Protein backbone atom coordinates (compact mmCIF):
# COMPACT_ATOMS: atom_id res chain seq x y z
CA MET A 1 -119.61 -280.39 33.65
CA ALA A 2 -117.69 -279.87 36.88
CA GLU A 3 -117.89 -276.45 38.48
CA LYS A 4 -114.80 -274.33 37.97
CA PRO A 5 -112.73 -273.77 41.12
CA SER A 6 -113.02 -270.28 42.57
CA TYR A 7 -110.07 -267.90 42.65
CA PHE A 8 -110.70 -264.66 44.57
CA ILE A 9 -107.98 -262.02 44.26
CA THR A 10 -107.93 -258.45 45.58
CA THR A 11 -105.90 -255.27 45.42
CA PRO A 12 -105.75 -252.82 48.31
CA ILE A 13 -108.52 -250.29 48.16
CA TYR A 14 -106.84 -247.01 47.39
CA TYR A 15 -107.04 -243.77 49.33
CA VAL A 16 -108.87 -240.99 47.53
CA ASN A 17 -106.66 -238.15 48.74
CA ALA A 18 -104.64 -238.21 45.50
CA ALA A 19 -104.90 -239.42 41.93
CA PRO A 20 -103.67 -242.95 41.14
CA HIS A 21 -99.91 -243.14 40.68
CA LEU A 22 -97.37 -245.68 39.43
CA GLY A 23 -97.48 -247.60 42.70
CA THR A 24 -101.25 -248.04 42.76
CA ALA A 25 -101.21 -248.96 39.08
CA TYR A 26 -98.47 -251.51 39.77
CA SER A 27 -100.50 -253.25 42.49
CA THR A 28 -103.51 -253.34 40.22
CA ILE A 29 -101.68 -254.75 37.20
CA VAL A 30 -100.04 -257.43 39.37
CA ALA A 31 -103.50 -258.56 40.43
CA ASP A 32 -104.82 -258.31 36.88
CA VAL A 33 -102.03 -260.45 35.41
CA GLN A 34 -102.66 -263.14 38.03
CA ALA A 35 -106.43 -262.94 37.47
CA ARG A 36 -106.07 -263.31 33.69
CA PHE A 37 -103.64 -266.20 34.12
CA ARG A 38 -106.03 -267.98 36.48
CA ARG A 39 -108.94 -267.55 34.04
CA ALA A 40 -106.81 -269.12 31.32
CA MET A 41 -106.11 -272.02 33.68
CA GLY A 42 -109.82 -272.71 34.13
CA TYR A 43 -110.60 -270.87 37.36
CA ASP A 44 -113.79 -268.94 38.06
CA VAL A 45 -112.07 -265.69 39.00
CA ARG A 46 -113.43 -262.91 41.17
CA PHE A 47 -111.15 -259.86 40.96
CA LEU A 48 -111.82 -256.97 43.34
CA THR A 49 -110.41 -253.46 43.58
CA GLY A 50 -111.82 -250.19 44.87
CA MET A 51 -111.42 -247.03 46.94
CA ASP A 52 -110.94 -246.34 50.65
CA GLU A 53 -113.02 -243.24 51.33
CA HIS A 54 -113.27 -242.74 55.08
CA GLY A 55 -111.00 -241.33 57.76
CA GLN A 56 -109.47 -238.10 58.97
CA LYS A 57 -107.12 -237.81 56.00
CA VAL A 58 -110.00 -237.87 53.51
CA ALA A 59 -112.00 -235.34 55.50
CA GLU A 60 -109.02 -232.98 55.55
CA ALA A 61 -108.41 -233.39 51.80
CA ALA A 62 -112.07 -232.60 51.11
CA ALA A 63 -111.94 -229.48 53.25
CA ALA A 64 -108.79 -228.32 51.45
CA HIS A 65 -110.74 -228.52 48.17
CA ASP A 66 -113.85 -226.78 49.58
CA MET A 67 -115.91 -229.94 49.18
CA THR A 68 -117.83 -232.25 51.46
CA PRO A 69 -116.09 -235.57 52.00
CA GLN A 70 -118.64 -237.34 49.81
CA GLU A 71 -118.25 -234.79 47.02
CA TRP A 72 -114.49 -235.20 47.19
CA CYS A 73 -114.73 -239.00 47.01
CA ASP A 74 -117.18 -238.81 44.10
CA SER A 75 -114.80 -236.50 42.23
CA GLN A 76 -111.90 -238.95 42.67
CA ALA A 77 -113.65 -242.16 41.66
CA PRO A 78 -113.45 -241.52 37.88
CA LEU A 79 -109.68 -240.99 38.13
CA PHE A 80 -109.27 -244.58 39.28
CA LYS A 81 -111.97 -246.19 37.17
CA ASP A 82 -110.85 -244.48 33.97
CA LEU A 83 -107.18 -245.34 34.43
CA TRP A 84 -107.99 -248.96 35.24
CA ALA A 85 -110.10 -249.19 32.11
CA GLU A 86 -107.27 -247.72 30.02
CA LEU A 87 -104.75 -250.12 31.55
CA GLU A 88 -107.04 -253.04 30.62
CA ILE A 89 -107.73 -254.03 34.22
CA SER A 90 -110.26 -256.87 34.21
CA ASN A 91 -111.74 -256.39 37.70
CA ASP A 92 -115.16 -257.88 38.33
CA ASP A 93 -116.06 -255.41 41.07
CA PHE A 94 -115.08 -251.93 42.21
CA ILE A 95 -116.01 -251.31 45.82
CA ARG A 96 -116.23 -247.95 47.57
CA THR A 97 -116.35 -247.85 51.35
CA THR A 98 -119.07 -245.18 51.22
CA GLU A 99 -121.46 -247.69 49.62
CA GLY A 100 -124.42 -249.01 51.57
CA ARG A 101 -123.16 -252.59 51.37
CA GLN A 102 -119.94 -251.63 53.16
CA ARG A 103 -121.76 -249.68 55.85
CA ALA A 104 -124.05 -252.64 56.51
CA ALA A 105 -121.14 -255.12 56.59
CA VAL A 106 -119.04 -252.97 58.96
CA GLN A 107 -121.92 -252.52 61.37
CA TYR A 108 -122.53 -256.27 61.24
CA LEU A 109 -118.84 -256.72 62.04
CA TRP A 110 -119.19 -254.46 65.10
CA GLU A 111 -122.01 -256.63 66.45
CA ARG A 112 -120.01 -259.82 65.86
CA MET A 113 -116.96 -258.28 67.52
CA ARG A 114 -119.00 -257.25 70.54
CA GLU A 115 -120.34 -260.80 70.83
CA SER A 116 -116.80 -262.20 70.56
CA GLY A 117 -115.66 -260.54 73.77
CA TYR A 118 -112.63 -258.99 72.09
CA LEU A 119 -113.93 -255.40 72.29
CA TYR A 120 -113.81 -253.05 75.24
CA LYS A 121 -114.24 -249.32 75.79
CA GLY A 122 -111.40 -247.20 77.06
CA SER A 123 -109.44 -244.05 76.44
CA TYR A 124 -106.68 -243.58 73.89
CA ASP A 125 -103.76 -241.28 74.64
CA GLY A 126 -101.02 -241.57 72.06
CA TRP A 127 -99.66 -240.62 68.69
CA TYR A 128 -101.49 -240.77 65.37
CA CYS A 129 -100.18 -240.45 61.82
CA VAL A 130 -102.93 -238.89 59.72
CA PRO A 131 -101.36 -239.64 56.29
CA ASP A 132 -100.92 -243.33 57.19
CA GLU A 133 -104.01 -243.51 59.45
CA THR A 134 -101.88 -245.37 62.00
CA PHE A 135 -101.58 -245.29 65.80
CA PHE A 136 -98.17 -245.42 67.52
CA THR A 137 -97.13 -245.77 71.15
CA ASP A 138 -94.66 -243.47 72.89
CA THR A 139 -92.14 -246.32 72.85
CA GLN A 140 -92.47 -246.85 69.10
CA VAL A 141 -92.06 -243.15 68.40
CA ALA A 142 -89.06 -242.76 70.70
CA LYS A 143 -87.34 -245.78 69.19
CA ALA A 144 -87.98 -244.55 65.64
CA ASN A 145 -86.49 -241.15 66.45
CA GLU A 146 -83.29 -242.59 67.91
CA GLY A 147 -80.28 -241.50 65.92
CA HIS A 148 -82.21 -238.81 64.05
CA GLU A 149 -80.96 -235.49 65.32
CA GLY A 150 -83.76 -232.98 65.73
CA ALA A 151 -86.47 -235.59 65.24
CA ASP A 152 -89.51 -234.84 67.36
CA HIS A 153 -92.50 -237.14 67.29
CA LEU A 154 -92.19 -238.23 63.67
CA CYS A 155 -94.01 -241.18 62.16
CA PRO A 156 -91.80 -244.31 62.31
CA ASP A 157 -93.00 -245.26 58.82
CA CYS A 158 -93.37 -242.09 56.75
CA HIS A 159 -91.34 -239.70 58.99
CA ARG A 160 -94.00 -236.99 58.89
CA PRO A 161 -95.18 -235.18 62.05
CA LEU A 162 -97.55 -237.08 64.31
CA GLU A 163 -100.60 -235.74 66.10
CA ARG A 164 -101.25 -236.34 69.79
CA VAL A 165 -104.65 -237.96 70.21
CA GLN A 166 -106.56 -238.13 73.49
CA GLU A 167 -110.06 -239.46 73.16
CA GLU A 168 -112.53 -242.09 74.27
CA SER A 169 -112.32 -245.15 72.06
CA TRP A 170 -113.38 -248.72 71.53
CA PHE A 171 -110.44 -251.13 71.54
CA PHE A 172 -109.88 -254.46 69.82
CA LYS A 173 -107.89 -256.94 71.96
CA LEU A 174 -105.18 -257.46 69.38
CA SER A 175 -102.74 -258.45 72.12
CA ALA A 176 -104.79 -261.59 72.78
CA PHE A 177 -103.83 -262.99 69.38
CA GLN A 178 -100.05 -262.86 69.59
CA ASP A 179 -99.56 -266.60 70.14
CA ARG A 180 -102.22 -267.60 67.59
CA LEU A 181 -100.63 -265.37 64.96
CA LEU A 182 -97.18 -266.81 65.57
CA GLU A 183 -98.68 -270.31 65.26
CA LEU A 184 -100.28 -269.27 61.98
CA TYR A 185 -96.94 -268.13 60.57
CA GLU A 186 -95.23 -271.36 61.63
CA GLU A 187 -97.94 -273.68 60.32
CA HIS A 188 -98.62 -271.71 57.13
CA PRO A 189 -95.38 -270.12 55.90
CA GLU A 190 -97.10 -269.46 52.57
CA PHE A 191 -99.46 -266.98 54.28
CA VAL A 192 -96.98 -264.12 53.80
CA GLN A 193 -95.21 -263.91 50.46
CA PRO A 194 -92.55 -263.44 49.23
CA SER A 195 -91.12 -265.59 52.02
CA PHE A 196 -88.55 -263.02 53.13
CA ARG A 197 -91.39 -260.69 54.14
CA MET A 198 -92.48 -263.24 56.72
CA ASN A 199 -89.46 -262.45 58.89
CA GLU A 200 -90.59 -258.84 59.24
CA VAL A 201 -94.09 -259.89 60.26
CA LYS A 202 -92.89 -262.52 62.73
CA SER A 203 -90.47 -260.10 64.35
CA PHE A 204 -93.16 -257.46 64.74
CA VAL A 205 -95.61 -259.84 66.40
CA ALA A 206 -92.97 -261.51 68.59
CA GLY A 207 -92.05 -258.08 69.91
CA GLY A 208 -95.47 -257.79 71.53
CA LEU A 209 -98.82 -256.47 70.35
CA ASN A 210 -100.81 -253.58 71.76
CA ASP A 211 -104.57 -253.45 71.71
CA LEU A 212 -105.89 -251.44 68.79
CA SER A 213 -108.09 -248.36 68.99
CA VAL A 214 -110.87 -249.07 66.48
CA SER A 215 -113.17 -246.06 66.86
CA ARG A 216 -112.82 -242.30 66.72
CA ASN A 217 -115.08 -239.62 68.18
CA THR A 218 -113.29 -236.39 67.25
CA PHE A 219 -114.65 -236.32 63.68
CA ASP A 220 -117.64 -237.90 61.96
CA TRP A 221 -116.41 -238.99 58.50
CA GLY A 222 -116.69 -242.71 58.97
CA ILE A 223 -119.14 -245.56 59.46
CA PRO A 224 -121.00 -245.10 62.78
CA VAL A 225 -120.53 -247.64 65.54
CA PRO A 226 -124.05 -249.13 65.74
CA PHE A 227 -124.22 -249.30 69.53
CA ASP A 228 -122.39 -246.11 70.53
CA GLU A 229 -123.56 -242.80 69.09
CA GLY A 230 -120.76 -240.35 68.36
CA HIS A 231 -118.19 -243.00 67.55
CA VAL A 232 -117.15 -243.82 63.97
CA THR A 233 -115.09 -246.77 62.76
CA TYR A 234 -111.32 -246.50 62.58
CA VAL A 235 -110.48 -246.44 58.89
CA TRP A 236 -108.53 -249.72 58.78
CA PHE A 237 -111.21 -251.58 60.75
CA ASP A 238 -113.54 -250.43 57.98
CA ALA A 239 -111.27 -250.81 54.96
CA LEU A 240 -110.02 -254.34 55.61
CA LEU A 241 -113.55 -255.69 55.68
CA ASN A 242 -114.14 -254.66 52.05
CA TYR A 243 -112.68 -257.98 50.92
CA MET A 244 -115.54 -259.87 52.57
CA THR A 245 -118.19 -257.24 51.90
CA ALA A 246 -117.72 -257.69 48.16
CA VAL A 247 -118.59 -261.39 48.34
CA GLY A 248 -121.68 -261.08 50.52
CA TYR A 249 -120.49 -260.97 54.14
CA GLY A 250 -123.28 -260.29 56.60
CA VAL A 251 -126.11 -260.28 54.04
CA ASP A 252 -129.07 -262.35 55.17
CA GLU A 253 -130.05 -263.61 51.73
CA PRO A 254 -129.49 -267.11 50.30
CA ALA A 255 -127.75 -265.88 47.13
CA ALA A 256 -125.31 -263.71 49.09
CA GLN A 257 -124.62 -266.49 51.58
CA ALA A 258 -123.95 -268.94 48.76
CA GLU A 259 -121.57 -266.46 47.14
CA PHE A 260 -119.73 -265.92 50.40
CA ALA A 261 -119.42 -269.66 50.98
CA ARG A 262 -118.01 -270.10 47.48
CA ARG A 263 -115.64 -267.13 47.43
CA TRP A 264 -114.29 -266.83 50.96
CA PRO A 265 -111.51 -267.20 51.92
CA ALA A 266 -109.70 -265.20 49.26
CA GLN A 267 -106.81 -266.91 47.54
CA ALA A 268 -104.65 -263.76 47.32
CA HIS A 269 -104.53 -260.24 48.71
CA ILE A 270 -102.08 -258.07 46.73
CA VAL A 271 -100.62 -255.25 48.86
CA GLY A 272 -97.65 -252.93 48.99
CA LYS A 273 -95.01 -253.73 51.59
CA ASP A 274 -95.94 -250.56 53.51
CA ILE A 275 -99.30 -252.04 54.56
CA ILE A 276 -98.18 -255.60 55.21
CA ARG A 277 -98.71 -255.35 58.97
CA PHE A 278 -102.34 -254.35 58.59
CA HIS A 279 -102.99 -257.33 56.32
CA CYS A 280 -100.80 -259.93 58.02
CA VAL A 281 -101.37 -258.98 61.68
CA ILE A 282 -104.56 -256.97 62.24
CA TRP A 283 -106.67 -258.57 59.50
CA PRO A 284 -106.06 -262.21 60.47
CA ALA A 285 -106.61 -261.34 64.13
CA MET A 286 -109.95 -259.73 63.27
CA LEU A 287 -110.97 -262.85 61.37
CA MET A 288 -109.88 -265.11 64.20
CA ALA A 289 -111.97 -263.04 66.63
CA ILE A 290 -115.18 -263.52 64.63
CA GLY A 291 -114.46 -267.11 63.61
CA GLU A 292 -114.01 -266.54 59.88
CA ALA A 293 -111.48 -268.28 57.63
CA LEU A 294 -108.22 -266.52 56.82
CA PRO A 295 -107.10 -265.61 53.30
CA GLU A 296 -104.68 -268.11 51.82
CA ARG A 297 -101.97 -265.65 50.86
CA VAL A 298 -100.92 -262.03 51.29
CA PHE A 299 -98.48 -261.08 48.56
CA ALA A 300 -96.53 -257.90 49.36
CA HIS A 301 -94.70 -256.19 46.54
CA GLY A 302 -91.91 -253.65 46.88
CA PHE A 303 -91.69 -249.96 46.02
CA LEU A 304 -91.00 -248.45 42.65
CA MET A 305 -87.85 -246.35 42.70
CA VAL A 306 -86.35 -244.11 40.03
CA ARG A 307 -82.99 -245.26 38.74
CA ASN A 308 -80.28 -242.62 38.99
CA GLU A 309 -78.45 -242.95 35.66
CA GLU A 310 -75.20 -241.66 37.18
CA THR A 311 -75.05 -243.93 40.23
CA GLY A 312 -77.19 -246.79 38.92
CA LYS A 313 -79.05 -246.86 42.25
CA GLY A 314 -82.74 -246.49 42.92
CA GLU A 315 -84.03 -243.31 44.54
CA LYS A 316 -87.38 -242.63 46.16
CA MET A 317 -89.81 -241.00 43.77
CA SER A 318 -91.08 -237.59 44.89
CA LYS A 319 -92.30 -234.33 43.45
CA SER A 320 -89.84 -232.36 45.56
CA ARG A 321 -86.93 -234.20 43.94
CA GLY A 322 -88.41 -233.67 40.51
CA ASN A 323 -88.11 -237.36 39.65
CA ALA A 324 -91.75 -238.45 39.96
CA ILE A 325 -93.09 -240.39 36.98
CA ALA A 326 -96.82 -240.38 36.24
CA PRO A 327 -98.64 -243.32 34.60
CA ARG A 328 -99.55 -241.07 31.66
CA GLU A 329 -95.87 -240.51 30.82
CA VAL A 330 -95.24 -244.25 30.61
CA ILE A 331 -98.38 -244.87 28.55
CA ASP A 332 -97.31 -242.14 26.14
CA LEU A 333 -93.90 -243.78 25.74
CA LEU A 334 -94.69 -247.49 25.66
CA GLY A 335 -98.40 -247.70 24.99
CA VAL A 336 -100.68 -249.53 27.39
CA GLU A 337 -99.48 -253.03 26.57
CA GLY A 338 -95.82 -252.05 26.63
CA TYR A 339 -96.48 -250.43 30.02
CA ARG A 340 -98.00 -253.63 31.39
CA TYR A 341 -95.24 -255.83 29.99
CA TYR A 342 -92.39 -253.66 31.28
CA PHE A 343 -93.56 -253.44 34.88
CA MET A 344 -94.51 -257.11 35.08
CA THR A 345 -91.24 -258.43 33.64
CA ASP A 346 -88.49 -255.98 34.56
CA VAL A 347 -89.59 -255.32 38.16
CA VAL A 348 -89.34 -258.40 40.37
CA PRO A 349 -92.54 -258.77 42.41
CA GLY A 350 -91.74 -258.47 46.08
CA MET A 351 -88.56 -256.47 45.53
CA ASP A 352 -88.10 -252.74 45.14
CA GLY A 353 -87.66 -251.92 41.48
CA ALA A 354 -85.45 -249.18 40.01
CA ILE A 355 -87.12 -247.91 36.85
CA SER A 356 -86.07 -245.45 34.16
CA PHE A 357 -87.25 -244.35 30.75
CA SER A 358 -84.04 -245.61 29.16
CA ARG A 359 -84.56 -249.06 30.65
CA MET A 360 -88.19 -249.04 29.51
CA ARG A 361 -87.05 -248.43 25.93
CA GLN A 362 -84.45 -251.18 26.18
CA VAL A 363 -86.94 -253.79 27.38
CA TYR A 364 -89.61 -252.70 24.91
CA ASN A 365 -87.23 -252.80 21.93
CA ALA A 366 -85.52 -256.06 22.89
CA ASP A 367 -88.59 -258.10 23.81
CA LEU A 368 -91.50 -256.49 21.98
CA ALA A 369 -90.21 -254.68 18.90
CA ASN A 370 -87.20 -256.83 17.96
CA SER A 371 -88.48 -260.22 19.15
CA TRP A 372 -92.26 -260.62 19.45
CA GLY A 373 -93.30 -257.94 16.97
CA ASN A 374 -90.55 -258.93 14.55
CA LEU A 375 -91.60 -262.59 14.61
CA ILE A 376 -95.20 -261.72 13.85
CA SER A 377 -94.29 -259.30 11.07
CA ARG A 378 -91.82 -261.58 9.29
CA SER A 379 -93.90 -264.74 9.60
CA LEU A 380 -97.11 -263.18 8.38
CA ASN A 381 -95.32 -261.41 5.54
CA MET A 382 -93.87 -264.73 4.37
CA SER A 383 -97.28 -266.41 4.62
CA ALA A 384 -98.72 -263.68 2.42
CA LYS A 385 -95.85 -263.84 -0.02
CA TYR A 386 -95.39 -267.59 -0.39
CA PHE A 387 -98.90 -268.93 0.30
CA ASP A 388 -101.20 -266.26 -1.13
CA GLY A 389 -102.19 -264.93 2.27
CA LEU A 390 -103.08 -268.31 3.75
CA ALA A 391 -101.54 -270.38 6.52
CA PRO A 392 -100.00 -273.59 5.21
CA ALA A 393 -101.94 -276.74 5.99
CA ARG A 394 -101.05 -278.66 9.11
CA PRO A 395 -98.15 -281.03 8.21
CA SER A 396 -99.29 -284.60 7.65
CA ASP A 397 -95.96 -285.84 8.98
CA ALA A 398 -94.82 -283.80 11.97
CA SER A 399 -91.48 -285.63 12.01
CA ALA A 400 -90.60 -285.02 8.36
CA HIS A 401 -88.11 -282.30 9.30
CA PRO A 402 -86.39 -281.14 12.51
CA ASN A 403 -88.68 -278.95 14.60
CA PRO A 404 -86.87 -277.17 17.45
CA LEU A 405 -89.95 -275.03 18.14
CA ALA A 406 -92.16 -277.99 18.95
CA GLU A 407 -89.46 -279.25 21.30
CA ILE A 408 -89.44 -275.96 23.22
CA ALA A 409 -93.24 -275.83 23.25
CA ASP A 410 -93.39 -279.30 24.79
CA GLY A 411 -94.07 -278.75 28.49
CA ILE A 412 -94.04 -274.95 28.17
CA VAL A 413 -97.42 -274.55 29.87
CA ASP A 414 -96.27 -276.45 32.95
CA ARG A 415 -93.06 -274.44 33.20
CA TYR A 416 -94.89 -271.16 32.62
CA ALA A 417 -97.73 -271.96 35.03
CA ALA A 418 -95.34 -272.83 37.85
CA LYS A 419 -93.73 -269.40 37.54
CA MET A 420 -96.97 -267.47 37.10
CA SER A 421 -98.68 -269.16 40.05
CA ALA A 422 -95.79 -267.99 42.25
CA PHE A 423 -96.10 -264.40 40.94
CA ALA A 424 -92.72 -264.78 39.23
CA PHE A 425 -94.08 -262.99 36.19
CA GLY A 426 -90.72 -262.11 34.69
CA GLU A 427 -89.71 -265.76 34.76
CA GLY A 428 -93.04 -266.78 33.26
CA ALA A 429 -92.59 -264.31 30.42
CA SER A 430 -89.05 -265.60 29.89
CA GLU A 431 -90.46 -269.04 29.08
CA VAL A 432 -92.48 -267.43 26.30
CA MET A 433 -89.61 -265.26 25.09
CA GLU A 434 -87.45 -268.38 24.78
CA LEU A 435 -89.93 -269.75 22.25
CA ILE A 436 -90.21 -266.41 20.46
CA ARG A 437 -86.47 -265.93 20.16
CA ALA A 438 -86.04 -269.53 19.04
CA ALA A 439 -88.62 -268.87 16.33
CA ASN A 440 -86.67 -265.84 15.12
CA ARG A 441 -83.49 -267.97 15.00
CA TYR A 442 -85.45 -270.67 13.20
CA ILE A 443 -86.18 -268.17 10.42
CA GLU A 444 -82.49 -267.46 9.99
CA ASP A 445 -81.47 -271.12 10.17
CA SER A 446 -84.16 -272.48 7.82
CA GLU A 447 -83.97 -269.59 5.31
CA PRO A 448 -87.54 -269.72 3.95
CA TRP A 449 -86.58 -267.29 1.17
CA ALA A 450 -84.13 -269.87 -0.14
CA LEU A 451 -86.63 -272.71 0.20
CA ALA A 452 -89.16 -270.69 -1.79
CA LYS A 453 -86.81 -270.67 -4.81
CA ASP A 454 -86.76 -274.48 -5.01
CA PRO A 455 -90.10 -276.06 -6.04
CA ALA A 456 -88.83 -279.43 -4.86
CA ARG A 457 -88.71 -278.08 -1.29
CA ALA A 458 -92.25 -276.67 -1.22
CA ASP A 459 -93.31 -279.09 1.52
CA GLU A 460 -90.36 -278.05 3.64
CA LEU A 461 -91.24 -274.38 3.16
CA ALA A 462 -94.81 -275.07 4.23
CA PHE A 463 -93.49 -276.96 7.26
CA VAL A 464 -91.33 -274.02 8.32
CA ILE A 465 -94.03 -271.37 7.90
CA TYR A 466 -96.60 -273.52 9.68
CA ASN A 467 -94.22 -273.93 12.63
CA LEU A 468 -93.67 -270.17 12.82
CA LEU A 469 -97.41 -269.48 12.84
CA GLU A 470 -97.94 -272.17 15.44
CA ALA A 471 -95.25 -270.62 17.65
CA ILE A 472 -97.05 -267.29 17.30
CA ARG A 473 -100.37 -268.87 18.23
CA ILE A 474 -98.99 -270.50 21.37
CA SER A 475 -97.00 -267.42 22.40
CA ALA A 476 -100.07 -265.23 22.00
CA HIS A 477 -102.02 -267.42 24.41
CA LEU A 478 -99.23 -267.32 26.98
CA LEU A 479 -98.85 -263.55 26.71
CA VAL A 480 -102.54 -262.83 27.28
CA PRO A 481 -102.09 -261.96 30.99
CA PHE A 482 -99.44 -259.38 30.09
CA MET A 483 -100.77 -257.97 26.82
CA PRO A 484 -104.37 -259.08 26.25
CA GLU A 485 -105.17 -256.79 23.32
CA THR A 486 -102.11 -257.54 21.19
CA SER A 487 -102.44 -261.24 21.95
CA ALA A 488 -106.02 -261.14 20.71
CA GLU A 489 -104.89 -259.23 17.62
CA ALA A 490 -102.12 -261.72 16.88
CA LEU A 491 -104.63 -264.56 17.10
CA ARG A 492 -107.06 -262.70 14.86
CA ARG A 493 -104.40 -262.20 12.18
CA ILE A 494 -103.88 -265.96 11.91
CA SER A 495 -107.63 -266.70 11.92
CA CYS A 496 -107.65 -267.94 15.51
CA ALA A 497 -109.77 -265.15 16.98
CA ASP A 498 -112.22 -267.70 18.36
CA GLU A 499 -109.44 -269.01 20.62
CA ALA A 500 -109.08 -265.70 22.47
CA GLY A 501 -110.25 -266.06 26.06
CA ALA A 502 -109.48 -269.77 26.18
CA ASP A 503 -109.89 -271.24 29.67
CA ASP A 504 -107.86 -274.41 29.15
CA LEU A 505 -104.35 -273.16 28.57
CA ALA A 506 -102.80 -276.61 28.22
CA ALA A 507 -105.24 -277.56 25.48
CA ALA A 508 -104.94 -274.19 23.76
CA CYS A 509 -101.14 -274.48 23.66
CA ALA A 510 -100.92 -278.06 22.45
CA TRP A 511 -98.64 -278.14 19.41
CA GLY A 512 -100.51 -278.58 16.13
CA GLY A 513 -103.61 -276.62 17.10
CA LEU A 514 -103.41 -274.33 14.06
CA ALA A 515 -105.75 -275.80 11.44
CA GLY A 516 -103.98 -274.25 8.45
CA GLY A 517 -105.44 -273.26 5.11
CA THR A 518 -107.02 -270.20 6.74
CA PRO A 519 -106.44 -266.50 5.93
CA VAL A 520 -103.44 -264.70 7.38
CA GLU A 521 -103.35 -260.92 7.63
CA LYS A 522 -100.08 -258.99 7.72
CA GLY A 523 -101.39 -255.84 9.39
CA GLU A 524 -99.42 -252.94 10.83
CA ALA A 525 -96.47 -253.42 13.18
CA LEU A 526 -97.76 -254.20 16.65
CA PHE A 527 -94.69 -252.80 18.40
CA PRO A 528 -92.89 -250.10 16.38
CA ARG A 529 -89.33 -249.68 17.54
CA LEU A 530 -88.63 -246.80 19.94
CA GLU A 531 -85.72 -244.45 19.44
CA GLU A 532 -83.11 -244.66 22.18
CA ASN A 533 -82.62 -240.90 22.62
């Protein structure tokens, strides 16, 4: 048997200065949906997420809570791990930058960087944003403050006050990679996705790059520079390497080296648009400096905004405005699987998304309660009523009667896979919803209740019910990335539990796969309708 192709996908590693929020959950679910889809397509998936635990910001948060930095990080880890488990995140690894493997990998990176000739020691005198852990030049700060009356040394990105930093530092010659980066963007336009994000990256690099300060010596919460006592690694120089650490970078053991050769480069880094420059400028330059392959794709999603019901426009979510929404509130409203489905289908990946509780109810009721859940409930009820709780046998003559569902299912995997591969999850789900809605119409058009009254049309009734159950089976497979638990439950109710976790989606979704003559269980409603109040 041929070895499965590798698919390595990552989320950002999340700062531990606050509990996970809707944005971090969104990034993680995006990666999870892609990972589950790739497994169903026959890939050997490696899915990584984790926590970024070093830097000045973390040290300050720990001090504010009367903890050591390590104690603070340890207290935050369960918040992320528990929420990811509840949201059915299927990550294979959870890395923390305070782990020994990350320390060893970062120190190995320092040695490779020193050998590369792209490091030098100097003095940094400039502006630093602690919340974003980002350095800015005087020119960048002055330009960002133009047109903002009263602005005085505010961060160009988050608009919070900057700190003046003057300290000895090691520098990475980022400026030496300007031309190579621009060549990368021209030769590999797929490197930054969605494509419109590439313009931002190109413009930033074309405007000129400054060398990057990659060590700090005014605090000690970081990975030590191995050849210069008193210096610790700049948090991004540390954090970005986690992607390679997790697949064995720098480990002098055959198994780790084989894993690294198989897994690197990653196929996809999922990031928020606010950290695109770190991943599309600094990270590839670092890899170029040490002669390592570049990731195939950086996919940058937009921000989640709160929809103002009066204006219809999206507004930034914040506690001060009183419009912040916590993951727990959405779970309580929609359930975990409704949560996953809503954010993956109603928010366009790459674009900012305006969300609201009213819209969540609308999507849930229209797609899940009234369409998918309704199809399952009605079809299984009719199987129980007309066939003594069994699925009808597979029709001996598939062309005996018109079958619009089989026509829609023909080629559905190819159409769906094209959308899912491109992270167009809403469009992928729409392919499935087309089949589901057609199945609901099929019930109304074929009128099984009328067929059941005419013994002469028993074969036609069996044909109709079989087609409905087959549409459910195929739809369940296609909805696994979005709603893995309810898909597994739908398959179980039609005696196809052994198909759950299929890794050949085309074969699993071939029409006629339902054996028939097997038990069918009605069960409780999978998606009870939500009130619109």
